[in-house]
Amino acid sequence: MNDRQNPYDPYYQQPQIVGYDEYGQPVYQQPQHVQQPQPYDPYAQPQQPQQADQGYGYDPYAQPQQPQPAQPQAYDPYGQQQPQPGYGGYDNYGYDTGGQPAAVDTTQQWNVPQQAAAQPPPPPSAPVPPDAGPTTGTGAEPDPDPAVPGQRRADRDHRTGQFSFIEEPDEDSEDVIDWLKFTESRSERREEARRRGRNRMVALIVVVALVVVGGIGYLWSAGMIPGLSDSDKDSTASTGPQKRDVIVVHLHNTKKGGTSTALLVDNVTTKQGTTVLLPNSLAVADEDGVATTLGKSVDADGTTGTRESIGTLLGTDITGTWRLDTPYLETLVDLVGNIEVDTDTDVPDTKKGASPLVKKGEAQTLSGQMAVAYATYRGPDEDEAKQLTRFGAVLRGVLRKVSDDPKTATVTVQTLAQILDPSLPEKDLGASLAKLAQHAKVGDYKTTLLPVQADGSLTDEATENVVKDILGGTVKAPAADAAVRVGVKNATGDEAGLGSARVKLINGGYTFVSGGTSAAVSRSEVVYRTAADKEKAAQVAATLGLPDDAVKQGKPAANADVSVLLGQDYKIK
């Protein structure tokens, strides 16, 4: 009985597998009884003998294949050598002896039967792990199963082109890696170029901004920017909204008598400090409108009347009066730790035969006693301006040493234990001194003398430079109910003309400001500054009995709202 499904029948002749087709199906040897003799091919390769089948690749449930004409099988270099089965998976004796395979006739070509029809490839199945072979005693990897060239497992539908082995060199992969490196480095170079471009742009913008700011700063410091130069500031001092803090200081010499007066001006807008020295010969008006001098006013009217007279004359607001007697000045200098002054003369000591108390020179250190001696010293045949200049130098030296902190400066003032005028309490005086000290410490401080004529009236220079620019006599607008300041200059050729005009103006409710005398002129003039002052000027002309055609627009004195030049046509009564 020839039953193929019985693998244990020793008498059944199993067909021999000679290879696999392109679909992975086994190809069996053509039976001997149908094998046709083939002509001898001298170029045919001899067939390698095959080993006995060890049971690998045999399907006991497979259907027998119809014999087909033999076709040559393509050589597969990756095919595994498969063993040939014996009878039922055993050798000729019925069991595996491990012997050598039987000799095969190499004189004849292998005839591979042609399959009846091409079968479609079976669907791919999950990979099956290879069978583990016997291991050696040394624990080495099992030897691969012998296989026929081109042989594949029947349960797998894989082709050799679908696999890439590790040991095979892959030039395409190297090309891909090189291309990735090239593209990556190219992207990095582009990004680096963009980053450098952004950095250059930012640096360029910063440099341009610095150049612009530096250029503007240079032009501003050089006074070349229109509207911001010092000359423009000076020209607009009379119209700009500048804020000033002004106090008047009266130095009383308790030993020799006499007074010295100065204005301490703090320009908050321009951050500039100034000491304005006022000569005692300055002509002012008392409470009754009677002309007098500054020195007499200080002795007679005290602090309040003198402060108001100075404010009326100069057209400025004076916030308070500081009466500083010489003993308090000495104490103040000692409290701040002496001062340094550039002295212009030697001051002799009160003791005969003694060396000078103060020596002439630059940066002379003066104690309290020496400072008082220098501030009040007036040499023989010296005018008052010399002594006022020394007093101003001492005031500046004191301000350089006073603290610029308002609280500390207030403590210094309180330490003097001085009875102050009610218009300027200790706290306000300390704050004013601290502000002035800030300017004096950085060099933004100057001292100037108010020039006056022989009769005590203001000169044109004093009106323009001091009253207008420093004190801002015309900066503030007078209140609605404030009296109009009228500056009168006598050009009648008669000394009585100024007194007559004073009486008329005071009786008319105006504030009289003496402008001194000048050369005689034939016609009188009444000058106003703006169109808003035209009506005021017309009323002043009517009060003085001057014709309407005498009123005209022009440039009045800086310390007056309306200026009057009395000519010979003015009638003195």
Protein backbone atom coordinates (compact mmCIF):
# COMPACT_ATOMS: atom_id res chain seq x y z
CA MET A 1 0.00 0.00 0.00
CA ASN A 2 1.40 3.34 -1.03
CA ASP A 3 -0.01 5.90 1.38
CA ARG A 4 1.90 9.27 1.36
CA GLN A 5 0.23 10.46 4.51
CA ASN A 6 1.89 7.76 6.51
CA PRO A 7 5.40 9.09 7.19
CA TYR A 8 6.36 5.96 9.00
CA ASP A 9 5.88 3.53 6.11
CA PRO A 10 9.38 2.32 5.42
CA TYR A 11 8.41 0.91 2.03
CA TYR A 12 6.96 4.03 0.65
CA GLN A 13 9.26 5.85 -1.68
CA GLN A 14 9.12 9.54 -0.79
CA PRO A 15 9.65 12.00 -3.61
CA GLN A 16 12.83 13.88 -3.31
CA ILE A 17 12.74 17.72 -2.98
CA VAL A 18 15.17 19.29 -5.36
CA GLY A 19 14.34 22.96 -4.69
CA TYR A 20 11.65 25.59 -4.39
CA ASP A 21 9.95 27.63 -7.01
CA GLU A 22 9.57 31.41 -7.08
CA TYR A 23 6.56 31.24 -4.81
CA GLY A 24 8.35 29.22 -2.16
CA GLN A 25 6.66 25.90 -2.96
CA PRO A 26 8.82 22.71 -2.93
CA VAL A 27 9.81 21.14 -6.22
CA TYR A 28 10.04 17.33 -6.19
CA GLN A 29 12.19 15.06 -8.22
CA GLN A 30 10.46 13.44 -11.16
CA PRO A 31 9.83 9.74 -10.52
CA GLN A 32 12.24 7.33 -12.16
CA HIS A 33 9.55 5.51 -14.09
CA VAL A 34 8.57 8.69 -15.99
CA GLN A 35 12.00 10.19 -16.21
CA GLN A 36 13.11 10.66 -19.73
CA PRO A 37 16.72 10.31 -20.61
CA GLN A 38 18.33 13.61 -21.13
CA PRO A 39 21.17 14.32 -23.49
CA TYR A 40 24.47 14.88 -21.89
CA ASP A 41 25.37 18.53 -21.28
CA PRO A 42 29.08 19.02 -20.86
CA TYR A 43 28.52 22.51 -19.40
CA ALA A 44 26.06 21.50 -16.74
CA GLN A 45 27.14 21.88 -13.16
CA PRO A 46 27.19 18.71 -11.13
CA GLN A 47 24.49 18.50 -8.51
CA GLN A 48 25.67 18.42 -4.96
CA PRO A 49 24.66 15.39 -3.03
CA GLN A 50 21.91 16.01 -0.60
CA GLN A 51 21.71 14.84 2.91
CA ALA A 52 18.98 12.85 4.34
CA ASP A 53 15.92 14.76 5.29
CA GLN A 54 15.71 15.46 9.01
CA GLY A 55 12.02 16.21 8.87
CA TYR A 56 12.46 19.87 7.95
CA GLY A 57 10.19 21.25 5.26
CA TYR A 58 8.10 18.12 4.92
CA ASP A 59 4.35 18.54 5.11
CA PRO A 60 2.63 15.23 5.76
CA TYR A 61 -0.70 16.84 4.93
CA ALA A 62 0.34 18.29 1.62
CA GLN A 63 -1.37 17.04 -1.56
CA PRO A 64 0.74 15.19 -4.07
CA GLN A 65 1.94 17.26 -7.01
CA GLN A 66 1.39 16.24 -10.59
CA PRO A 67 4.60 15.51 -12.36
CA GLN A 68 5.69 18.24 -14.73
CA PRO A 69 8.41 18.49 -17.24
CA ALA A 70 11.67 19.33 -15.58
CA GLN A 71 12.85 22.92 -15.70
CA PRO A 72 16.20 24.33 -14.60
CA GLN A 73 16.03 26.06 -11.24
CA ALA A 74 17.73 29.48 -10.76
CA TYR A 75 20.47 29.46 -8.24
CA ASP A 76 19.71 31.39 -5.06
CA PRO A 77 22.92 32.49 -3.29
CA TYR A 78 21.01 33.13 -0.08
CA GLY A 79 19.20 29.82 -0.07
CA GLN A 80 19.75 27.49 2.83
CA GLN A 81 20.95 23.92 2.27
CA GLN A 82 18.12 21.61 3.24
CA PRO A 83 18.53 17.98 4.15
CA GLN A 84 16.91 15.26 2.06
CA PRO A 85 14.47 13.10 3.78
CA GLY A 86 14.91 9.44 4.00
CA TYR A 87 12.21 6.97 4.37
CA GLY A 88 9.83 8.46 6.86
CA GLY A 89 12.46 10.86 8.09
CA TYR A 90 14.93 8.09 8.92
CA ASP A 91 17.86 6.55 7.17
CA ASN A 92 17.74 3.30 5.26
CA TYR A 93 17.78 1.35 8.50
CA GLY A 94 14.74 3.16 9.93
CA TYR A 95 16.57 5.46 12.29
CA ASP A 96 18.96 8.38 12.12
CA THR A 97 22.50 7.16 12.20
CA GLY A 98 24.08 10.43 11.38
CA GLY A 99 25.87 8.82 8.45
CA GLN A 100 26.94 10.35 5.20
CA PRO A 101 24.31 10.88 2.50
CA ALA A 102 24.02 8.32 -0.23
CA ALA A 103 25.88 8.87 -3.44
CA VAL A 104 23.90 10.48 -6.20
CA ASP A 105 24.34 9.83 -9.86
CA THR A 106 25.87 12.94 -11.29
CA THR A 107 25.86 11.73 -14.88
CA GLN A 108 22.29 12.80 -15.31
CA GLN A 109 20.72 16.24 -14.98
CA TRP A 110 18.15 16.97 -12.39
CA ASN A 111 14.76 17.09 -13.95
CA VAL A 112 12.51 19.45 -12.09
CA PRO A 113 8.85 18.77 -12.63
CA GLN A 114 6.86 21.75 -13.90
CA GLN A 115 3.95 22.68 -11.75
CA ALA A 116 0.62 22.43 -13.34
CA ALA A 117 -0.34 26.05 -12.94
CA ALA A 118 1.12 29.11 -11.24
CA GLN A 119 -0.37 29.55 -7.87
CA PRO A 120 -0.84 33.06 -6.40
CA PRO A 121 1.38 33.73 -3.45
CA PRO A 122 -0.25 32.93 -0.13
CA PRO A 123 -0.96 35.84 2.19
CA PRO A 124 1.94 36.79 4.43
CA SER A 125 1.87 35.20 7.79
CA ALA A 126 3.46 36.15 11.06
CA PRO A 127 7.18 35.32 11.19
CA VAL A 128 7.95 32.05 12.86
CA PRO A 129 11.13 31.87 14.91
CA PRO A 130 13.66 29.35 13.63
CA ASP A 131 13.77 26.02 15.30
CA ALA A 132 16.38 25.74 17.93
CA GLY A 133 18.94 23.13 17.03
CA PRO A 134 20.98 21.05 19.36
CA THR A 135 23.57 22.84 21.37
CA THR A 136 27.04 21.73 22.14
CA GLY A 137 28.45 21.32 25.47
CA THR A 138 30.36 24.53 25.23
CA GLY A 139 27.19 26.64 25.02
CA ALA A 140 27.91 27.82 21.46
CA GLU A 141 25.19 28.81 19.00
CA PRO A 142 23.50 25.88 17.22
CA ASP A 143 24.72 25.04 13.75
CA PRO A 144 22.39 26.13 10.93
CA ASP A 145 20.28 23.42 9.37
CA PRO A 146 21.67 22.12 6.11
CA ALA A 147 19.62 23.25 3.16
CA VAL A 148 19.46 22.98 -0.56
CA PRO A 149 20.49 26.18 -2.42
CA GLY A 150 17.49 28.40 -2.95
CA GLN A 151 15.47 26.60 -0.27
CA ARG A 152 12.98 28.62 1.86
CA ARG A 153 10.63 27.71 4.61
CA ALA A 154 7.27 26.74 3.30
CA ASP A 155 5.37 28.68 5.99
CA ARG A 156 6.91 31.99 5.02
CA ASP A 157 6.29 34.02 1.92
CA HIS A 158 9.37 36.24 1.94
CA ARG A 159 11.75 37.07 -0.83
CA THR A 160 15.41 37.76 -0.64
CA GLY A 161 14.95 41.33 -1.91
CA GLN A 162 12.94 42.19 1.19
CA PHE A 163 15.86 41.73 3.55
CA SER A 164 18.91 43.86 4.28
CA PHE A 165 21.58 42.25 6.33
CA ILE A 166 23.72 44.11 8.80
CA GLU A 167 26.96 42.77 7.47
CA GLU A 168 26.20 44.03 3.97
CA PRO A 169 27.64 47.51 3.23
CA ASP A 170 24.94 49.96 2.24
CA GLU A 171 26.32 52.80 0.17
CA ASP A 172 22.89 54.38 -0.13
CA SER A 173 22.67 54.79 3.65
CA GLU A 174 26.03 56.58 3.68
CA ASP A 175 24.77 58.89 0.95
CA VAL A 176 21.65 59.62 2.96
CA ILE A 177 23.70 60.42 6.05
CA ASP A 178 25.97 62.69 4.05
CA TRP A 179 22.94 64.45 2.56
CA LEU A 180 21.38 64.94 6.00
CA LYS A 181 24.63 66.36 7.29
CA PHE A 182 24.83 68.70 4.30
CA THR A 183 21.26 69.95 4.66
CA GLU A 184 21.67 70.35 8.44
CA SER A 185 24.91 72.29 8.10
CA ARG A 186 23.35 74.40 5.37
CA SER A 187 20.37 75.26 7.58
CA GLU A 188 22.69 76.09 10.45
CA ARG A 189 24.74 78.39 8.21
CA ARG A 190 21.60 80.17 7.06
CA GLU A 191 20.37 80.59 10.63
CA GLU A 192 23.80 81.82 11.71
CA ALA A 193 23.83 84.32 8.84
CA ARG A 194 20.38 85.60 9.83
CA ARG A 195 21.47 85.88 13.47
CA ARG A 196 24.58 87.83 12.52
CA GLY A 197 22.46 90.09 10.33
CA ARG A 198 20.11 90.83 13.24
CA ASN A 199 23.05 91.52 15.54
CA ARG A 200 24.57 93.90 13.02
CA MET A 201 21.24 95.72 12.63
CA VAL A 202 20.82 96.12 16.40
CA ALA A 203 24.40 97.35 16.75
CA LEU A 204 23.87 99.82 13.91
CA ILE A 205 20.71 101.18 15.51
CA VAL A 206 22.45 101.58 18.87
CA VAL A 207 25.40 103.38 17.27
CA VAL A 208 23.10 105.73 15.34
CA ALA A 209 21.12 106.48 18.50
CA LEU A 210 24.30 107.24 20.44
CA VAL A 211 25.56 109.50 17.67
CA VAL A 212 22.27 111.39 17.55
CA VAL A 213 22.11 111.80 21.32
CA GLY A 214 25.76 112.82 21.50
CA GLY A 215 25.32 115.32 18.69
CA ILE A 216 22.27 116.86 20.32
CA GLY A 217 24.10 117.03 23.63
CA TYR A 218 27.07 118.73 22.03
CA LEU A 219 24.88 121.24 20.21
CA TRP A 220 22.96 121.93 23.40
CA SER A 221 26.14 122.41 25.45
CA ALA A 222 27.55 124.66 22.73
CA GLY A 223 24.34 126.70 22.66
CA MET A 224 23.78 125.98 18.97
CA ILE A 225 20.22 124.67 19.26
CA PRO A 226 17.66 127.40 18.59
CA GLY A 227 15.51 128.08 21.61
CA LEU A 228 17.82 126.24 24.06
CA SER A 229 20.98 128.34 24.14
CA ASP A 230 21.90 130.57 27.04
CA SER A 231 21.36 133.68 24.95
CA ASP A 232 17.85 132.55 24.17
CA LYS A 233 17.23 131.86 27.83
CA ASP A 234 18.42 135.33 28.71
CA SER A 235 16.31 136.90 26.00
CA THR A 236 13.21 135.13 27.26
CA ALA A 237 13.82 135.69 30.97
CA SER A 238 11.26 138.46 31.10
CA THR A 239 8.56 136.38 29.48
CA GLY A 240 9.34 132.82 30.55
CA PRO A 241 7.45 131.30 33.47
CA GLN A 242 10.48 131.19 35.77
CA LYS A 243 10.15 130.65 39.47
CA ARG A 244 12.40 132.53 41.89
CA ASP A 245 12.84 132.47 45.64
CA VAL A 246 14.29 135.76 46.94
CA ILE A 247 15.20 136.71 50.48
CA VAL A 248 16.94 139.89 51.66
CA VAL A 249 19.86 139.81 54.11
CA HIS A 250 20.81 142.78 56.25
CA LEU A 251 24.24 142.55 57.91
CA HIS A 252 24.37 144.81 60.96
CA ASN A 253 27.81 145.75 62.24
CA THR A 254 27.25 145.86 65.97
CA LYS A 255 30.71 147.35 66.72
CA LYS A 256 31.27 150.02 64.09
CA GLY A 257 27.68 150.54 62.99
CA GLY A 258 26.31 150.53 59.50
CA THR A 259 24.53 147.89 57.44
CA SER A 260 25.14 145.92 54.31
CA THR A 261 22.25 144.54 52.23
CA ALA A 262 22.14 141.71 49.73
CA LEU A 263 19.50 139.66 47.95
CA LEU A 264 19.84 135.87 47.88
CA VAL A 265 18.11 134.67 44.69
CA ASP A 266 17.33 131.02 43.97
CA ASN A 267 16.12 130.57 40.40
CA VAL A 268 14.28 127.27 40.60
CA THR A 269 13.69 127.14 36.84
CA THR A 270 17.27 127.62 35.67
CA LYS A 271 18.82 126.10 38.82
CA GLN A 272 21.04 129.11 39.34
CA GLY A 273 21.88 130.91 42.55
CA THR A 274 22.85 134.58 42.74
CA THR A 275 23.79 137.13 45.37
CA VAL A 276 22.72 140.66 44.37
CA LEU A 277 24.54 143.33 46.36
CA LEU A 278 22.48 146.48 47.00
CA PRO A 279 24.30 149.75 47.71
CA ASN A 280 23.07 151.78 50.65
CA SER A 281 22.77 154.75 48.30
CA LEU A 282 19.98 153.03 46.34
CA ALA A 283 17.00 155.35 46.16
CA VAL A 284 13.80 153.81 47.49
CA ALA A 285 10.47 155.15 48.69
CA ASP A 286 9.16 154.79 52.20
CA GLU A 287 5.61 153.90 53.20
CA ASP A 288 4.47 157.45 52.52
CA GLY A 289 6.10 157.52 49.11
CA VAL A 290 8.88 159.84 50.20
CA ALA A 291 12.20 159.19 48.50
CA THR A 292 14.97 157.92 50.73
CA THR A 293 18.03 155.70 50.54
CA LEU A 294 18.31 152.01 51.30
CA GLY A 295 20.63 152.59 54.26
CA LYS A 296 18.26 155.05 55.89
CA SER A 297 15.28 152.81 55.22
CA VAL A 298 16.93 149.88 57.02
CA ASP A 299 17.63 152.01 60.09
CA ALA A 300 14.25 153.77 60.14
CA ASP A 301 11.61 151.42 58.80
CA GLY A 302 13.04 148.17 59.97
CA THR A 303 12.72 144.94 58.02
CA THR A 304 9.16 145.02 56.72
CA GLY A 305 9.17 148.54 55.25
CA THR A 306 12.55 148.09 53.61
CA ARG A 307 11.59 144.75 52.11
CA GLU A 308 8.48 146.25 50.54
CA SER A 309 10.38 149.27 49.24
CA ILE A 310 12.98 147.08 47.58
CA GLY A 311 10.29 144.88 46.08
CA THR A 312 8.48 147.90 44.70
CA LEU A 313 11.63 149.35 43.22
CA LEU A 314 12.88 146.16 41.60
CA GLY A 315 9.49 144.75 40.73
CA THR A 316 10.05 141.44 42.43
CA ASP A 317 8.59 139.51 45.34
CA ILE A 318 10.80 139.13 48.39
CA THR A 319 9.60 136.28 50.58
CA GLY A 320 11.40 137.22 53.79
CA THR A 321 14.05 139.23 55.61
CA TRP A 322 17.08 137.78 57.41
CA ARG A 323 18.68 140.16 59.88
CA LEU A 324 22.20 138.91 60.47
CA ASP A 325 24.21 140.70 63.12
CA THR A 326 27.99 140.32 63.05
CA PRO A 327 28.16 138.09 66.19
CA TYR A 328 25.77 135.62 64.54
CA LEU A 329 27.81 135.67 61.35
CA GLU A 330 30.89 134.78 63.36
CA THR A 331 29.05 131.92 65.05
CA LEU A 332 27.69 130.67 61.75
CA VAL A 333 31.15 130.46 60.17
CA ASP A 334 32.47 128.56 63.15
CA LEU A 335 29.53 126.14 63.00
CA VAL A 336 30.13 125.20 59.38
CA GLY A 337 33.86 124.69 60.04
CA ASN A 338 35.52 127.84 58.68
CA ILE A 339 35.33 128.99 55.08
CA GLU A 340 37.67 129.57 52.15
CA VAL A 341 37.67 132.96 50.42
CA ASP A 342 39.83 134.62 47.78
CA THR A 343 40.76 137.83 49.57
CA ASP A 344 41.68 141.02 47.68
CA THR A 345 43.39 142.91 50.47
CA ASP A 346 45.02 142.59 53.87
CA VAL A 347 42.77 143.29 56.83
CA PRO A 348 44.75 144.73 59.74
CA ASP A 349 44.26 143.47 63.23
CA THR A 350 42.64 145.69 65.80
CA LYS A 351 45.75 145.43 67.93
CA LYS A 352 48.50 147.81 67.01
CA GLY A 353 51.69 146.27 65.73
CA ALA A 354 50.06 142.90 65.13
CA SER A 355 50.23 141.07 61.85
CA PRO A 356 47.22 141.38 59.51
CA LEU A 357 44.21 139.48 60.68
CA VAL A 358 43.37 138.48 57.11
CA LYS A 359 46.04 138.18 54.46
CA LYS A 360 45.55 138.78 50.78
CA GLY A 361 45.55 135.67 48.64
CA GLU A 362 43.57 132.89 47.07
CA ALA A 363 41.70 130.25 49.06
CA GLN A 364 42.38 131.84 52.41
CA THR A 365 40.87 129.95 55.33
CA LEU A 366 38.84 132.30 57.51
CA SER A 367 37.51 131.64 60.94
CA GLY A 368 34.40 133.34 62.26
CA GLN A 369 36.27 136.38 63.56
CA MET A 370 38.33 136.71 60.40
CA ALA A 371 35.20 136.38 58.19
CA VAL A 372 33.43 139.21 60.05
CA ALA A 373 36.52 141.42 59.79
CA TYR A 374 36.84 140.82 56.06
CA ALA A 375 33.09 141.25 55.31
CA THR A 376 32.91 144.61 57.05
CA TYR A 377 36.27 146.01 56.05
CA ARG A 378 36.34 149.19 53.96
CA GLY A 379 39.75 150.65 53.38
CA PRO A 380 40.63 154.32 53.19
CA ASP A 381 39.41 156.06 50.05
CA GLU A 382 37.45 152.95 49.00
CA ASP A 383 33.90 153.21 47.78
CA GLU A 384 31.05 151.16 49.14
CA ALA A 385 31.18 148.69 46.28
CA LYS A 386 34.50 147.27 47.54
CA GLN A 387 33.09 146.49 50.96
CA LEU A 388 29.91 144.96 49.42
CA THR A 389 32.05 142.70 47.23
CA ARG A 390 33.87 141.33 50.31
CA PHE A 391 30.54 140.78 52.04
CA GLY A 392 29.31 138.83 49.02
CA ALA A 393 32.45 136.67 49.04
CA VAL A 394 31.87 135.74 52.67
CA LEU A 395 28.21 134.85 51.97
CA ARG A 396 29.26 132.57 49.12
CA GLY A 397 31.88 130.86 51.28
CA VAL A 398 29.27 130.22 53.97
CA LEU A 399 26.82 128.72 51.43
CA ARG A 400 29.51 126.33 50.21
CA LYS A 401 29.89 124.92 53.71
CA VAL A 402 26.23 124.81 54.72
CA SER A 403 24.58 121.44 54.26
CA ASP A 404 22.37 121.05 51.22
CA ASP A 405 19.96 118.94 53.27
CA PRO A 406 17.05 121.14 54.45
CA LYS A 407 16.78 119.39 57.81
CA THR A 408 20.48 119.69 58.56
CA ALA A 409 20.54 123.31 57.44
CA THR A 410 17.57 124.04 59.67
CA VAL A 411 19.43 122.53 62.64
CA THR A 412 22.33 124.87 61.89
CA VAL A 413 20.00 127.88 61.90
CA GLN A 414 18.40 126.74 65.14
CA THR A 415 21.83 126.39 66.72
CA LEU A 416 22.41 130.10 66.16
CA ALA A 417 19.62 130.83 68.66
CA GLN A 418 18.78 133.93 66.69
CA ILE A 419 15.51 135.79 66.88
CA LEU A 420 14.35 135.89 63.28
CA ASP A 421 11.86 138.06 61.48
CA PRO A 422 8.35 136.58 61.39
CA SER A 423 8.45 136.69 57.60
CA LEU A 424 11.23 134.09 57.58
CA PRO A 425 11.00 131.41 60.31
CA GLU A 426 13.80 128.95 61.01
CA LYS A 427 12.37 126.18 58.83
CA ASP A 428 11.96 128.45 55.80
CA LEU A 429 15.39 130.00 56.26
CA GLY A 430 17.01 126.56 56.54
CA ALA A 431 15.24 125.38 53.36
CA SER A 432 16.33 128.50 51.46
CA LEU A 433 19.95 128.14 52.57
CA ALA A 434 19.97 124.44 51.59
CA LYS A 435 18.75 125.23 48.06
CA LEU A 436 21.34 127.95 47.64
CA ALA A 437 24.02 125.61 48.99
CA GLN A 438 23.23 123.10 46.24
CA HIS A 439 24.03 125.70 43.58
CA ALA A 440 27.12 127.00 45.38
CA LYS A 441 28.65 123.52 45.80
CA VAL A 442 28.50 122.74 42.08
CA GLY A 443 29.54 126.18 40.85
CA ASP A 444 26.12 127.37 39.67
CA TYR A 445 26.37 130.48 41.77
CA LYS A 446 27.48 134.02 41.08
CA THR A 447 27.65 137.39 42.81
CA THR A 448 26.73 140.67 41.16
CA LEU A 449 26.46 144.30 42.18
CA LEU A 450 23.41 146.38 41.39
CA PRO A 451 24.78 149.54 39.70
CA VAL A 452 23.15 152.85 40.61
CA GLN A 453 23.67 156.43 39.58
CA ALA A 454 24.99 159.18 41.82
CA ASP A 455 21.48 160.11 42.86
CA GLY A 456 20.69 156.50 43.78
CA SER A 457 18.49 155.75 40.78
CA LEU A 458 18.93 152.64 38.68
CA THR A 459 21.02 152.76 35.55
CA ASP A 460 19.90 151.28 32.26
CA GLU A 461 22.44 148.50 32.74
CA ALA A 462 20.97 147.65 36.15
CA THR A 463 17.49 147.63 34.71
CA GLU A 464 18.34 145.26 31.86
CA ASN A 465 20.89 142.88 33.38
CA VAL A 466 19.97 142.66 37.04
CA VAL A 467 16.35 143.59 37.44
CA LYS A 468 15.12 141.90 34.29
CA ASP A 469 17.35 138.83 33.96
CA ILE A 470 18.25 137.96 37.55
CA LEU A 471 15.31 139.22 39.55
CA GLY A 472 12.71 138.86 36.81
CA GLY A 473 11.14 142.21 37.58
CA THR A 474 8.68 141.88 34.72
CA VAL A 475 8.13 138.15 34.83
CA LYS A 476 5.18 138.03 37.14
CA ALA A 477 1.92 139.58 36.06
CA PRO A 478 0.53 141.95 38.67
CA ALA A 479 -2.66 140.99 40.38
CA ALA A 480 -5.90 142.48 39.21
CA ASP A 481 -6.13 144.79 42.22
CA ALA A 482 -2.37 145.53 42.38
CA ALA A 483 -1.21 149.08 41.87
CA VAL A 484 0.46 149.87 38.57
CA ARG A 485 4.18 150.50 38.93
CA VAL A 486 5.16 153.72 37.21
CA GLY A 487 8.81 154.50 36.64
CA VAL A 488 9.53 158.22 36.32
CA LYS A 489 12.68 159.81 34.94
CA ASN A 490 13.11 163.58 35.31
CA ALA A 491 14.18 165.30 32.07
CA THR A 492 12.55 168.68 32.78
CA GLY A 493 15.76 170.38 33.81
CA ASP A 494 14.17 171.14 37.18
CA GLU A 495 14.88 168.99 40.26
CA ALA A 496 11.37 169.65 41.57
CA GLY A 497 9.85 167.82 38.64
CA LEU A 498 10.50 164.35 40.13
CA GLY A 499 8.91 165.24 43.50
CA SER A 500 5.86 166.74 41.82
CA ALA A 501 5.29 163.63 39.75
CA ARG A 502 5.70 161.40 42.84
CA VAL A 503 2.93 163.22 44.70
CA LYS A 504 0.52 163.05 41.79
CA LEU A 505 1.06 159.38 41.12
CA ILE A 506 0.84 158.26 44.77
CA ASN A 507 -2.35 160.24 45.21
CA GLY A 508 -3.73 158.59 42.09
CA GLY A 509 -3.14 155.11 43.54
CA TYR A 510 -0.03 154.24 41.59
CA THR A 511 3.28 152.90 42.83
CA PHE A 512 6.04 155.37 42.20
CA VAL A 513 9.41 154.08 41.03
CA SER A 514 12.17 156.61 40.75
CA GLY A 515 14.14 156.49 37.54
CA GLY A 516 16.57 159.31 38.33
CA THR A 517 17.33 162.24 36.11
CA SER A 518 18.57 162.70 32.57
CA ALA A 519 19.28 165.42 30.06
CA ALA A 520 16.40 167.79 29.41
CA VAL A 521 14.02 167.05 26.55
CA SER A 522 11.21 169.14 25.13
CA ARG A 523 8.38 166.59 24.99
CA SER A 524 7.23 164.08 27.57
CA GLU A 525 6.61 160.40 26.78
CA VAL A 526 4.50 157.66 28.40
CA VAL A 527 5.61 154.21 27.25
CA TYR A 528 3.73 150.89 27.72
CA ARG A 529 4.84 147.36 26.80
CA THR A 530 1.81 145.49 25.41
CA ALA A 531 -1.58 146.43 24.07
CA ALA A 532 -3.14 145.39 27.37
CA ASP A 533 -1.17 148.15 29.10
CA LYS A 534 -2.31 150.89 26.71
CA GLU A 535 -5.28 151.92 28.86
CA LYS A 536 -3.09 152.03 31.96
CA ALA A 537 -0.60 154.27 30.18
CA ALA A 538 -3.41 156.63 29.08
CA GLN A 539 -4.61 156.95 32.68
CA VAL A 540 -1.07 157.67 33.89
CA ALA A 541 -0.75 160.41 31.25
CA ALA A 542 -4.04 161.92 32.37
CA THR A 543 -2.93 161.83 36.02
CA LEU A 544 0.27 163.74 35.17
CA GLY A 545 -1.55 166.16 32.86
CA LEU A 546 0.22 164.99 29.69
CA PRO A 547 -1.43 164.98 26.25
CA ASP A 548 -2.81 161.76 24.73
CA ASP A 549 -0.31 161.78 21.89
CA ALA A 550 2.48 161.31 24.46
CA VAL A 551 1.32 157.71 25.01
CA LYS A 552 3.00 155.19 22.75
CA GLN A 553 4.03 151.56 22.74
CA GLY A 554 7.66 150.78 23.40
CA LYS A 555 10.04 149.27 25.90
CA PRO A 556 9.50 150.60 29.42
CA ALA A 557 11.89 150.05 32.34
CA ALA A 558 12.21 146.49 33.49
CA ASN A 559 11.02 147.30 37.02
CA ALA A 560 7.91 149.21 35.93
CA ASP A 561 4.68 148.58 34.10
CA VAL A 562 4.66 152.03 32.56
CA SER A 563 7.63 154.38 32.09
CA VAL A 564 7.33 158.15 32.04
CA LEU A 565 9.92 160.59 30.73
CA LEU A 566 9.09 164.05 32.02
CA GLY A 567 9.94 166.69 29.46
CA GLN A 568 9.88 170.43 29.54
CA ASP A 569 6.19 170.39 28.55
CA TYR A 570 5.35 168.89 31.98
CA LYS A 571 3.81 171.46 34.32
CA ILE A 572 5.34 171.37 37.80
CA LYS A 573 2.92 172.27 40.59
